[in-house]
Every structure is written in structure tokens, then in C-alpha cells.
Amino acid sequence: FDETQRLLKETEERAAELAVINKIQDGIAAELDFQAIIDLVGDKLREVFAVGDISIAWYDAQRDLLSHLYTYELGKRIQFPPSKPLVDGPFRRILDSRRPIIANSRAELDAAGFRQIPGTAESFSLALIPIVGTGAVLGSINVENYDRENAFRDSDVRLLTTVASAMGVALENARLFGETQRLLKETEERAAELAIINSVQQALAAKLDLTGIYTAVGDKIRDIFGNADVEIRVHDPVTNLLHVPYVYELGKRITIEPEPLRKRGFSAHVLRTGESLVINEGLSEAMQAYGSSIVEGTATARSVVYVPLRAQRSSRGLIAPSDLTREHAFTDSHVRLLERLANSMSVALENARLFDETQRLFKESEQRAAELSIINSVQQALAAELNMQGIYDAVGDKVREIFQKADIGTRIYDPHTNRIHDPDFFKDGKLLDLPPYPISDTGIAAHVLRT
């Protein structure tokens, strides 16, 4: 009869264990969130063991750190910062053995190397159960009893071990799912970035003027960030002036006059280092640290990013989107996208500069060719003339032709008589016959002849 009763009791305990395990596993199966799985298991174990004292920790093997993700003491949830396991402590032992440590008395706790954490209560019984994943210990479940010794029976240990095993599988799946989701999100973000960059590059490919390039990139950045405020600043190293060809504030395009580039400030730092600067909080403190100030007549931002425009190993300018309403407006992916847009813009600006330079040189060449053509035609006319008046007429007519029938005077100074002659003088399109006159001590003609 006693044996039957014992077996019946064991069967009932096993059935109760299975019911608990099934309930926990059902809950775990419905969760793919890492912390949600830990909270679910912790809450259920606190209910099953009718204790207010339990902790679940996650082990980072690379950093050798235990993160205390779920900790209850005396019925209250508390927080602990990550900590390194003691060199000769119990967690090191379960890392090697992957077996639970059960201490059902103060003597057993001391012998097992358990140490009371400062600020916590002293326990009389403790069960430390490893959470085992694929070939390694992922963390631990720690259940304590502050009221009595011998609180944990074999059936309790069996239940905790089974739950820890199911939890290890679920946490690994959640971690892998989370990693997959993260990679998927990164891939989607990269695809979106590439689509934006391609659209900007297509717009830039059709632009060969600087204003068009600034507008194409600035408008796109405002579109990406929901009509955010954007500045594009360009540094002229010759004049040391910082120009702002594109600036939107509070949804309106405004004009900011060029000003000298100061030695300190956000712009000076970014142009000097060629590195992006992200300020997502504490803008006032950052302004003091960098020696920056607010441009007169503009508003103060809560978040701002400065991305350099680099060309030929130097920074020619910067892009600066800002958010006037909230902090932490710009993520790492936003900064990465802005840096890629800045690279595309830098290439387009360099191409535009080279195009302008080519056009300028081409225009100069055309002007030089026109000059040579005129000079050749005058020289041919002069070669056919052997009298003085014919030479005056040939040159005068050609100059009037060049300057579209402009008035012209050819003045000749005779040093013997100290008089000025006007052999070819046109006024209002008519040739005038002027008598010689003495050269004066003052006047434009006297100055030119003298100097």
C-alpha cells in the first residue's frame, strides 16, 4: 500500500511537472522575442515555486559577462548591471560541468562558493540551473528560498532542468530570429538607400551647374527626412568665405550671407577633419565644446548631422540636416545614407567645376581666335597701305566694326609742334574734321602719352 501510495504521489508530481512544462513550452512556442521568453519563464517559475526570489541571467562568452535579465527579490523586480562571473564561483563550475548546483543549507551554500551580493537578502536554499544551448551554457536560472533550508527536492530540480532545456532552445531560436530580422532590416535599409542614391545620381547626371546640383541633393534630403531643415555649406579657400547656397528652415527656403570660416565651430571641425559629426542630444553643451554659435536669425536645432563634401582629399563643404523638434532624430543608417549622398554630390560638383573650367578655357580660346582673326585682317589691310591716313582709316574702321559702330578717336601727338592731331575721329557715327590743338598739362590723353 505504501509503495502504491508513493508511486501514485510520484505520478501526480510528474503529471503536475508535465502540466507546468507543457504550459511553459506552449508560451515559449508563441514567443519569438528574446526578453519576452525570459519574462514568461521567470513569471511561471515564480508562480510554480510560490517564491518571490528568482533570477535569470544570460552569458556573453566573448566579453565574459553575465547580464541579469530577470531578477526578483522578496517579490520585487530589481535591476543589476552586467558582471563577470567569479573566477572560482558556482557559475564557472556549471560552465564546465553543465550540471545544476543545489545547495539546501547555509553550509552547502558556503561550500559551493555562493557569495551574498551586497544589498541583497541572505538565502537558506538555492538552485542554480544551467541554460544549455547547442554545445554551450547560454545562461542560468537561479531560484532562492529566504525562509527555509531543504527547499528544493529532486522533482523541483527535474522541473527546473527541463524548463531550462526548453528555454535554451527557444532563446537560441529567438536570438537567431532576431539576428535574421536585423539582417533583413539592414538589407531593406541598404536597398532603400541604393534606390535613393540612384535617383539622386540620375538627377545629378542631368545637372552641370552648381545651383542645380545643390537643389537636387538638398530637395532629396528634405524628402527623405520628411521635409526636414537642411543646409548645404561650401567653403571657398581663396576668400576663406563659407557660402550657404541651399538652406531650408521651418519649411521655408531662406538666404544666409557668406561669412568668413571661423577657426572653431561645427563647420570648421568637419571641414578640418573630413569626418561626419552627429549631435543627437545636448546641443548646447556641444556648441560650447566646439566653440560654435547660432547663425543670427535662425532657429536652434535639437538634433543635427554634419557630413563633409570631400574632393581630392580635402573637404570643400558639408551637408547639415537638422531636426528642430526632437532629439535622437538621426540613426546610424541615416548618417550612412547622408555620407553616400555626399560622395555622389562631391563627384557631381567636381564634374561641374571641371565643366565650368573647360567652358571658360574654351571661351577664352574662342576669344583669342577671334582676336587673332581681327589682328590678321587689320594687318592685311595695313600691309596694303603705304600712306598715313590710309593706316588710320584701316584701323579705325576695323575697331568701329569690332565695337559695333562705336565712336572712336585716333589721336597723334606731334612733339615738334606740341600739338594733338585727330586724323580719324568719329562722333555719333560721323567723321569730324578737327583742327590740331596744343596738348594740355592735364587730361586723359596727356596722362596716357606721358605714362
Protein backbone atom coordinates (compact mmCIF):
# COMPACT_ATOMS: atom_id res chain seq x y z
CA PHE A 1 0.00 0.00 0.00
CA ASP A 2 2.84 2.40 0.93
CA GLU A 3 4.62 1.63 -2.36
CA THR A 4 1.41 2.23 -4.28
CA GLN A 5 0.86 5.50 -2.48
CA ARG A 6 4.48 6.55 -3.21
CA LEU A 7 4.15 5.69 -6.89
CA LEU A 8 0.79 7.46 -7.04
CA LYS A 9 2.34 10.57 -5.47
CA GLU A 10 5.27 10.43 -7.90
CA THR A 11 2.84 10.03 -10.79
CA GLU A 12 0.85 13.04 -9.62
CA GLU A 13 4.07 15.07 -9.25
CA ARG A 14 5.21 14.03 -12.70
CA ALA A 15 1.80 14.92 -14.12
CA ALA A 16 1.99 18.30 -12.39
CA GLU A 17 5.54 18.79 -13.71
CA LEU A 18 4.43 17.90 -17.23
CA ALA A 19 1.47 20.26 -16.98
CA VAL A 20 3.80 23.09 -15.92
CA ILE A 21 6.35 22.20 -18.59
CA ASN A 22 3.69 21.97 -21.29
CA LYS A 23 2.26 25.33 -20.28
CA ILE A 24 5.68 26.95 -20.33
CA GLN A 25 6.57 25.34 -23.67
CA ASP A 26 3.27 26.47 -25.18
CA GLY A 27 4.04 30.00 -24.04
CA ILE A 28 7.61 29.80 -25.34
CA ALA A 29 6.43 28.45 -28.70
CA ALA A 30 4.25 31.54 -29.13
CA GLU A 31 7.13 33.96 -28.45
CA LEU A 32 9.98 34.94 -30.73
CA ASP A 33 11.05 37.92 -28.65
CA PHE A 34 14.13 37.24 -26.53
CA GLN A 35 13.16 39.19 -23.40
CA ALA A 36 9.52 38.05 -23.64
CA ILE A 37 10.64 34.40 -23.37
CA ILE A 38 12.72 35.16 -20.28
CA ASP A 39 9.90 37.11 -18.64
CA LEU A 40 7.39 34.32 -19.40
CA VAL A 41 9.59 31.59 -17.87
CA GLY A 42 10.50 33.69 -14.87
CA ASP A 43 6.89 34.61 -14.09
CA LYS A 44 5.75 30.98 -14.40
CA LEU A 45 8.51 29.63 -12.17
CA ARG A 46 7.74 32.23 -9.50
CA GLU A 47 4.13 31.03 -9.61
CA VAL A 48 5.02 27.32 -9.51
CA PHE A 49 7.50 27.59 -6.63
CA ALA A 50 5.44 30.22 -4.80
CA VAL A 51 8.57 32.29 -4.22
CA GLY A 52 9.35 35.88 -4.88
CA ASP A 53 13.03 35.22 -5.45
CA ILE A 54 14.37 34.15 -8.82
CA SER A 55 16.85 35.41 -11.38
CA ILE A 56 17.61 34.51 -14.99
CA ALA A 57 20.99 35.54 -16.40
CA TRP A 58 22.40 35.47 -19.95
CA TYR A 59 26.11 34.80 -20.53
CA ASP A 60 28.17 36.63 -23.17
CA ALA A 61 31.15 34.33 -23.69
CA GLN A 62 33.07 36.79 -25.87
CA ARG A 63 33.02 39.51 -23.20
CA ASP A 64 32.79 37.06 -20.26
CA LEU A 65 29.80 38.98 -18.88
CA LEU A 66 26.61 37.89 -17.16
CA SER A 67 23.58 40.08 -17.95
CA HIS A 68 20.88 39.84 -15.27
CA LEU A 69 17.77 40.00 -17.49
CA TYR A 70 15.18 38.92 -14.90
CA THR A 71 15.69 39.35 -11.15
CA TYR A 72 13.08 39.25 -8.38
CA GLU A 73 13.90 39.53 -4.70
CA LEU A 74 11.30 39.39 -1.94
CA GLY A 75 8.58 39.82 -4.56
CA LYS A 76 10.09 42.95 -6.16
CA ARG A 77 11.80 43.18 -9.50
CA ILE A 78 15.25 44.72 -9.24
CA GLN A 79 18.00 45.63 -11.70
CA PHE A 80 21.67 44.67 -11.67
CA PRO A 81 24.39 45.86 -14.06
CA PRO A 82 26.24 43.17 -16.06
CA SER A 83 29.03 41.47 -14.11
CA LYS A 84 31.85 39.00 -14.65
CA PRO A 85 31.37 35.56 -13.05
CA LEU A 86 33.70 34.92 -10.10
CA VAL A 87 36.84 33.06 -11.13
CA ASP A 88 36.20 30.21 -8.71
CA GLY A 89 32.45 30.81 -8.36
CA PRO A 90 29.49 28.49 -8.97
CA PHE A 91 28.72 29.81 -12.47
CA ARG A 92 32.23 28.86 -13.64
CA ARG A 93 31.53 25.35 -12.43
CA ILE A 94 28.27 24.98 -14.35
CA LEU A 95 30.04 26.38 -17.45
CA ASP A 96 32.35 23.38 -17.35
CA SER A 97 30.01 20.70 -15.99
CA ARG A 98 26.68 21.89 -17.47
CA ARG A 99 25.08 20.35 -14.35
CA PRO A 100 22.86 22.04 -11.76
CA ILE A 101 24.18 23.07 -8.35
CA ILE A 102 21.75 22.56 -5.48
CA ALA A 103 22.52 23.96 -2.04
CA ASN A 104 19.84 23.19 0.56
CA SER A 105 21.55 24.70 3.60
CA ARG A 106 23.84 27.57 4.61
CA ALA A 107 26.73 25.12 4.91
CA GLU A 108 26.14 23.80 1.39
CA LEU A 109 25.87 27.37 0.06
CA ASP A 110 29.23 28.27 1.60
CA ALA A 111 30.83 25.05 0.38
CA ALA A 112 29.56 25.66 -3.18
CA GLY A 113 31.14 29.12 -3.20
CA PHE A 114 27.95 31.21 -3.24
CA ARG A 115 28.53 34.77 -2.05
CA GLN A 116 25.87 37.17 -0.89
CA ILE A 117 25.59 40.18 -3.25
CA PRO A 118 25.84 43.43 -1.24
CA GLY A 119 22.39 44.91 -0.71
CA THR A 120 20.55 41.59 -1.12
CA ALA A 121 18.98 39.23 1.43
CA GLU A 122 20.62 36.03 2.72
CA SER A 123 19.15 32.80 1.30
CA PHE A 124 18.80 29.41 3.04
CA SER A 125 18.35 27.24 -0.09
CA LEU A 126 19.39 27.78 -3.68
CA ALA A 127 19.10 26.02 -7.04
CA LEU A 128 21.43 27.15 -9.87
CA ILE A 129 20.34 25.56 -13.16
CA PRO A 130 22.35 26.00 -16.40
CA ILE A 131 20.52 27.03 -19.57
CA VAL A 132 22.23 24.85 -22.16
CA GLY A 133 22.11 25.54 -25.88
CA THR A 134 23.88 23.90 -28.78
CA GLY A 135 27.09 22.76 -27.13
CA ALA A 136 27.44 25.61 -24.63
CA VAL A 137 25.92 27.14 -21.50
CA LEU A 138 23.89 30.20 -22.50
CA GLY A 139 22.97 31.37 -19.02
CA SER A 140 21.39 30.24 -15.79
CA ILE A 141 18.17 30.08 -13.75
CA ASN A 142 18.72 30.88 -10.09
CA VAL A 143 15.86 30.13 -7.63
CA GLU A 144 16.39 31.01 -3.96
CA ASN A 145 14.46 30.49 -0.76
CA TYR A 146 14.98 33.01 2.04
CA ASP A 147 12.69 31.24 4.53
CA ARG A 148 13.92 27.68 4.96
CA GLU A 149 16.54 25.09 4.17
CA ASN A 150 15.90 21.94 2.09
CA ALA A 151 13.50 23.86 -0.12
CA PHE A 152 14.39 22.03 -3.36
CA ARG A 153 13.53 18.37 -3.93
CA ASP A 154 14.61 16.15 -6.80
CA SER A 155 11.32 16.79 -8.56
CA ASP A 156 11.93 20.55 -8.34
CA VAL A 157 15.39 20.15 -9.84
CA ARG A 158 13.99 17.92 -12.58
CA LEU A 159 11.31 20.50 -13.41
CA LEU A 160 13.81 23.39 -13.46
CA THR A 161 16.25 21.41 -15.64
CA THR A 162 13.52 20.52 -18.16
CA VAL A 163 12.33 24.13 -18.31
CA ALA A 164 15.92 25.39 -18.69
CA SER A 165 16.50 22.95 -21.56
CA ALA A 166 13.35 24.09 -23.40
CA MET A 167 14.28 27.68 -22.67
CA GLY A 168 17.78 27.20 -24.14
CA VAL A 169 16.35 26.00 -27.45
CA ALA A 170 13.78 28.81 -27.52
CA LEU A 171 16.34 31.51 -26.69
CA GLU A 172 18.71 30.29 -29.38
CA ASN A 173 15.83 30.33 -31.87
CA ALA A 174 14.84 33.81 -30.71
CA ARG A 175 18.42 35.02 -31.00
CA LEU A 176 18.71 33.57 -34.50
CA PHE A 177 15.33 35.02 -35.42
CA GLY A 178 16.38 38.40 -34.04
CA GLU A 179 19.64 38.23 -35.98
CA THR A 180 17.75 37.27 -39.15
CA GLN A 181 15.33 40.15 -38.63
CA ARG A 182 18.22 42.53 -38.05
CA LEU A 183 19.99 41.39 -41.22
CA LEU A 184 16.71 41.57 -43.14
CA LYS A 185 16.10 45.09 -41.87
CA GLU A 186 19.66 46.08 -42.79
CA THR A 187 19.18 44.61 -46.27
CA GLU A 188 15.92 46.53 -46.72
CA GLU A 189 17.57 49.72 -45.47
CA ARG A 190 20.51 49.22 -47.85
CA ALA A 191 18.11 48.58 -50.75
CA ALA A 192 16.20 51.76 -49.86
CA GLU A 193 19.49 53.65 -49.61
CA LEU A 194 20.60 52.40 -53.02
CA ALA A 195 17.25 53.39 -54.56
CA ILE A 196 17.61 56.90 -53.11
CA ILE A 197 21.24 57.20 -54.20
CA ASN A 198 20.39 56.01 -57.71
CA SER A 199 17.58 58.56 -58.01
CA VAL A 200 19.91 61.32 -56.82
CA GLN A 201 22.67 60.23 -59.18
CA GLN A 202 20.24 60.24 -62.09
CA ALA A 203 19.21 63.77 -61.16
CA LEU A 204 22.85 64.83 -60.79
CA ALA A 205 23.78 63.28 -64.15
CA ALA A 206 21.44 65.78 -65.80
CA LYS A 207 22.95 68.73 -63.92
CA LEU A 208 26.14 70.50 -64.89
CA ASP A 209 25.53 73.74 -63.00
CA LEU A 210 26.35 74.11 -59.30
CA THR A 211 22.97 75.57 -58.30
CA GLY A 212 21.14 72.64 -59.89
CA ILE A 213 23.32 70.16 -58.00
CA TYR A 214 22.75 71.85 -54.64
CA THR A 215 19.00 71.95 -55.26
CA ALA A 216 18.76 68.30 -56.43
CA VAL A 217 20.57 66.92 -53.37
CA GLY A 218 19.01 69.33 -50.85
CA ASP A 219 15.47 68.62 -52.06
CA LYS A 220 16.08 64.86 -51.90
CA ILE A 221 17.39 65.02 -48.34
CA ARG A 222 14.36 67.07 -47.27
CA ASP A 223 12.12 64.48 -48.94
CA ILE A 224 13.88 61.58 -47.15
CA PHE A 225 13.59 63.16 -43.72
CA GLY A 226 10.02 64.41 -44.08
CA ASN A 227 10.70 68.00 -45.14
CA ALA A 228 13.50 68.37 -42.60
CA ASP A 229 15.56 71.52 -42.36
CA VAL A 230 18.74 71.25 -44.46
CA GLU A 231 21.80 73.39 -45.06
CA ILE A 232 24.49 72.94 -47.69
CA ARG A 233 27.62 74.95 -46.96
CA VAL A 234 30.54 75.45 -49.35
CA HIS A 235 33.98 76.77 -48.42
CA ASP A 236 35.96 78.99 -50.78
CA PRO A 237 39.63 78.53 -49.80
CA VAL A 238 40.70 81.60 -51.81
CA THR A 239 38.48 84.06 -49.92
CA ASN A 240 38.03 81.80 -46.82
CA LEU A 241 34.30 82.51 -47.07
CA LEU A 242 31.66 79.95 -46.11
CA HIS A 243 28.79 80.19 -48.62
CA VAL A 244 25.33 78.71 -47.94
CA PRO A 245 23.80 78.13 -51.41
CA TYR A 246 20.94 75.97 -50.06
CA VAL A 247 19.14 76.36 -46.73
CA TYR A 248 15.63 75.47 -45.55
CA GLU A 249 14.35 76.36 -42.09
CA LEU A 250 10.86 75.62 -40.77
CA GLY A 251 9.80 74.60 -44.27
CA LYS A 252 10.91 77.84 -45.94
CA ARG A 253 13.92 78.50 -48.09
CA ILE A 254 15.91 81.38 -46.66
CA THR A 255 19.06 83.27 -47.61
CA ILE A 256 22.20 83.40 -45.47
CA GLU A 257 25.00 85.75 -46.50
CA PRO A 258 28.53 84.33 -46.84
CA GLU A 259 30.74 84.79 -43.81
CA PRO A 260 34.40 84.04 -43.04
CA LEU A 261 35.13 80.49 -41.89
CA ARG A 262 36.00 80.66 -38.23
CA LYS A 263 38.78 78.64 -36.64
CA ARG A 264 36.32 76.92 -34.27
CA GLY A 265 32.79 75.62 -34.60
CA PHE A 266 30.99 72.61 -36.06
CA SER A 267 31.70 73.57 -39.69
CA ALA A 268 35.38 74.26 -39.03
CA HIS A 269 35.76 70.90 -37.25
CA VAL A 270 34.09 68.88 -40.03
CA LEU A 271 35.98 70.68 -42.82
CA ARG A 272 39.28 70.24 -41.00
CA THR A 273 38.87 66.55 -40.04
CA GLY A 274 36.82 65.38 -43.03
CA GLU A 275 34.71 63.29 -40.63
CA SER A 276 30.95 63.34 -40.01
CA LEU A 277 29.68 64.87 -36.77
CA VAL A 278 26.41 63.62 -35.22
CA ILE A 279 24.80 65.52 -32.32
CA ASN A 280 21.58 63.84 -31.21
CA GLU A 281 21.34 65.43 -27.76
CA GLY A 282 22.93 68.10 -25.61
CA LEU A 283 23.38 70.56 -28.47
CA SER A 284 24.07 73.49 -26.13
CA GLU A 285 26.90 71.60 -24.42
CA ALA A 286 28.30 70.51 -27.80
CA MET A 287 28.25 74.11 -29.04
CA GLN A 288 30.33 75.17 -26.06
CA ALA A 289 32.77 72.28 -26.55
CA TYR A 290 33.28 73.01 -30.27
CA GLY A 291 33.10 76.79 -29.95
CA SER A 292 30.07 77.02 -32.23
CA SER A 293 27.25 79.57 -32.27
CA ILE A 294 23.80 80.09 -33.81
CA VAL A 295 23.66 81.97 -37.10
CA GLU A 296 21.76 85.19 -36.45
CA GLY A 297 18.12 84.95 -37.48
CA THR A 298 17.99 81.12 -37.45
CA ALA A 299 16.39 78.66 -35.00
CA THR A 300 18.11 76.21 -32.60
CA ALA A 301 18.04 72.51 -33.56
CA ARG A 302 17.56 69.54 -31.20
CA SER A 303 19.42 67.07 -33.44
CA VAL A 304 21.88 67.76 -36.27
CA VAL A 305 24.29 65.92 -38.56
CA TYR A 306 27.27 67.42 -40.38
CA VAL A 307 28.57 65.36 -43.33
CA PRO A 308 31.62 66.60 -45.29
CA LEU A 309 31.73 67.05 -49.08
CA ARG A 310 35.15 65.69 -49.96
CA ALA A 311 37.09 66.14 -53.18
CA GLN A 312 40.74 65.41 -53.92
CA ARG A 313 41.50 64.57 -50.26
CA SER A 314 40.11 67.83 -48.92
CA SER A 315 36.71 68.95 -47.67
CA ARG A 316 35.05 71.53 -49.91
CA GLY A 317 31.83 71.87 -47.94
CA LEU A 318 29.23 70.00 -45.93
CA ILE A 319 25.59 68.86 -45.75
CA ALA A 320 23.79 69.57 -42.47
CA PRO A 321 20.22 68.27 -41.98
CA SER A 322 18.69 69.14 -38.61
CA ASP A 323 15.58 68.48 -36.55
CA LEU A 324 14.18 71.39 -34.54
CA THR A 325 11.58 69.35 -32.62
CA ARG A 326 13.23 66.21 -31.20
CA GLU A 327 16.47 64.63 -30.07
CA HIS A 328 17.90 61.37 -31.47
CA ALA A 329 16.36 62.08 -34.86
CA PHE A 330 19.28 60.59 -36.83
CA THR A 331 20.28 56.91 -36.76
CA ASP A 332 23.46 55.24 -37.98
CA SER A 333 21.69 54.25 -41.21
CA HIS A 334 20.68 57.90 -41.76
CA VAL A 335 24.30 59.01 -41.38
CA ARG A 336 25.48 56.26 -43.73
CA LEU A 337 22.94 57.34 -46.36
CA LEU A 338 23.94 61.02 -46.00
CA GLU A 339 27.62 60.11 -46.41
CA ARG A 340 26.86 58.24 -49.64
CA LEU A 341 24.80 61.14 -50.94
CA ALA A 342 27.64 63.49 -50.03
CA ASN A 343 30.07 61.31 -52.02
CA SER A 344 27.79 61.40 -55.07
CA MET A 345 27.34 65.15 -54.68
CA SER A 346 31.10 65.69 -54.35
CA VAL A 347 31.70 63.85 -57.63
CA ALA A 348 28.97 65.88 -59.36
CA LEU A 349 30.37 69.17 -58.00
CA GLU A 350 33.86 68.25 -59.20
CA ASN A 351 32.49 67.36 -62.64
CA ALA A 352 30.59 70.66 -62.73
CA ARG A 353 33.72 72.55 -61.72
CA LEU A 354 35.75 70.81 -64.43
CA PHE A 355 32.96 71.51 -66.95
CA ASP A 356 32.92 75.21 -65.98
CA GLU A 357 36.71 75.33 -66.25
CA THR A 358 36.56 73.65 -69.67
CA GLN A 359 33.88 76.10 -70.80
CA ARG A 360 35.94 79.03 -69.55
CA LEU A 361 39.05 77.83 -71.33
CA PHE A 362 37.00 77.14 -74.46
CA LYS A 363 35.52 80.64 -74.33
CA GLU A 364 39.00 82.12 -73.84
CA SER A 365 40.24 80.11 -76.83
CA GLU A 366 37.37 81.40 -78.96
CA GLN A 367 38.12 84.95 -77.85
CA ARG A 368 41.82 84.51 -78.64
CA ALA A 369 40.96 83.04 -82.03
CA ALA A 370 38.64 85.99 -82.74
CA GLU A 371 41.36 88.38 -81.63
CA LEU A 372 43.91 86.74 -83.94
CA SER A 373 41.42 86.81 -86.79
CA ILE A 374 40.83 90.55 -86.30
CA ILE A 375 44.53 91.28 -85.94
CA ASN A 376 45.29 89.29 -89.10
CA SER A 377 42.61 91.15 -91.08
CA VAL A 378 43.93 94.53 -89.83
CA GLN A 379 47.50 93.54 -90.61
CA GLN A 380 46.45 92.51 -94.13
CA ALA A 381 44.75 95.89 -94.57
CA LEU A 382 47.79 97.72 -93.21
CA ALA A 383 50.14 95.78 -95.47
CA ALA A 384 48.31 97.23 -98.46
CA GLU A 385 48.59 100.80 -97.19
CA LEU A 386 51.66 102.98 -97.55
CA ASN A 387 50.19 106.36 -96.61
CA MET A 388 49.49 107.52 -93.06
CA GLN A 389 45.80 108.40 -93.49
CA GLY A 390 45.10 105.02 -95.10
CA ILE A 391 46.57 103.32 -92.00
CA TYR A 392 44.44 105.45 -89.66
CA ASP A 393 41.33 104.71 -91.71
CA ALA A 394 42.02 100.95 -91.90
CA VAL A 395 42.49 100.58 -88.15
CA GLY A 396 39.66 102.97 -87.23
CA ASP A 397 37.16 101.23 -89.48
CA LYS A 398 38.08 97.82 -88.07
CA VAL A 399 37.80 98.97 -84.46
CA ARG A 400 34.39 100.54 -85.18
CA GLU A 401 33.33 97.26 -86.78
CA ILE A 402 34.51 95.25 -83.74
CA PHE A 403 32.67 97.51 -81.30
CA GLN A 404 29.52 97.75 -83.41
CA LYS A 405 29.90 101.26 -84.93
CA ALA A 406 31.12 102.78 -81.67
CA ASP A 407 32.61 106.28 -81.60
CA ILE A 408 36.38 106.26 -81.93
CA GLY A 409 39.14 108.77 -81.98
CA THR A 410 42.69 108.26 -83.17
CA ARG A 411 44.94 110.93 -81.69
CA ILE A 412 48.50 111.61 -82.82
CA TYR A 413 50.95 113.72 -80.86
CA ASP A 414 53.48 115.82 -82.75
CA PRO A 415 56.38 116.57 -80.35
CA HIS A 416 57.81 119.25 -82.65
CA THR A 417 54.68 121.42 -82.51
CA ASN A 418 53.45 120.00 -79.16
CA ARG A 419 50.01 119.55 -80.72
CA ILE A 420 47.44 116.78 -80.93
CA HIS A 421 46.07 115.77 -84.35
CA ASP A 422 42.82 113.78 -84.82
CA PRO A 423 43.14 112.12 -88.25
CA ASP A 424 40.28 109.68 -87.57
CA PHE A 425 37.65 110.95 -85.13
CA PHE A 426 34.06 109.68 -85.15
CA LYS A 427 31.33 111.23 -83.04
CA ASP A 428 27.72 109.97 -83.15
CA GLY A 429 28.64 107.91 -86.21
CA LYS A 430 30.03 110.89 -88.15
CA LEU A 431 33.65 111.61 -89.09
CA LEU A 432 34.69 115.01 -87.72
CA ASP A 433 37.40 117.26 -89.13
CA LEU A 434 39.10 118.72 -86.07
CA PRO A 435 41.96 121.20 -86.18
CA PRO A 436 45.19 120.44 -84.25
CA TYR A 437 45.30 121.73 -80.68
CA PRO A 438 48.01 122.11 -78.02
CA ILE A 439 48.41 119.25 -75.52
CA SER A 440 47.42 120.28 -72.03
CA ASP A 441 49.21 119.51 -68.81
CA THR A 442 46.16 117.63 -67.51
CA GLY A 443 43.59 115.26 -69.01
CA ILE A 444 43.34 111.65 -70.03
CA ALA A 445 45.26 111.96 -73.33
CA ALA A 446 48.12 113.82 -71.62
CA HIS A 447 48.30 111.20 -68.86
CA VAL A 448 48.38 108.26 -71.30
CA LEU A 449 51.01 109.87 -73.55
CA ARG A 450 53.15 110.82 -70.57
CA THR A 451 52.95 107.45 -68.75
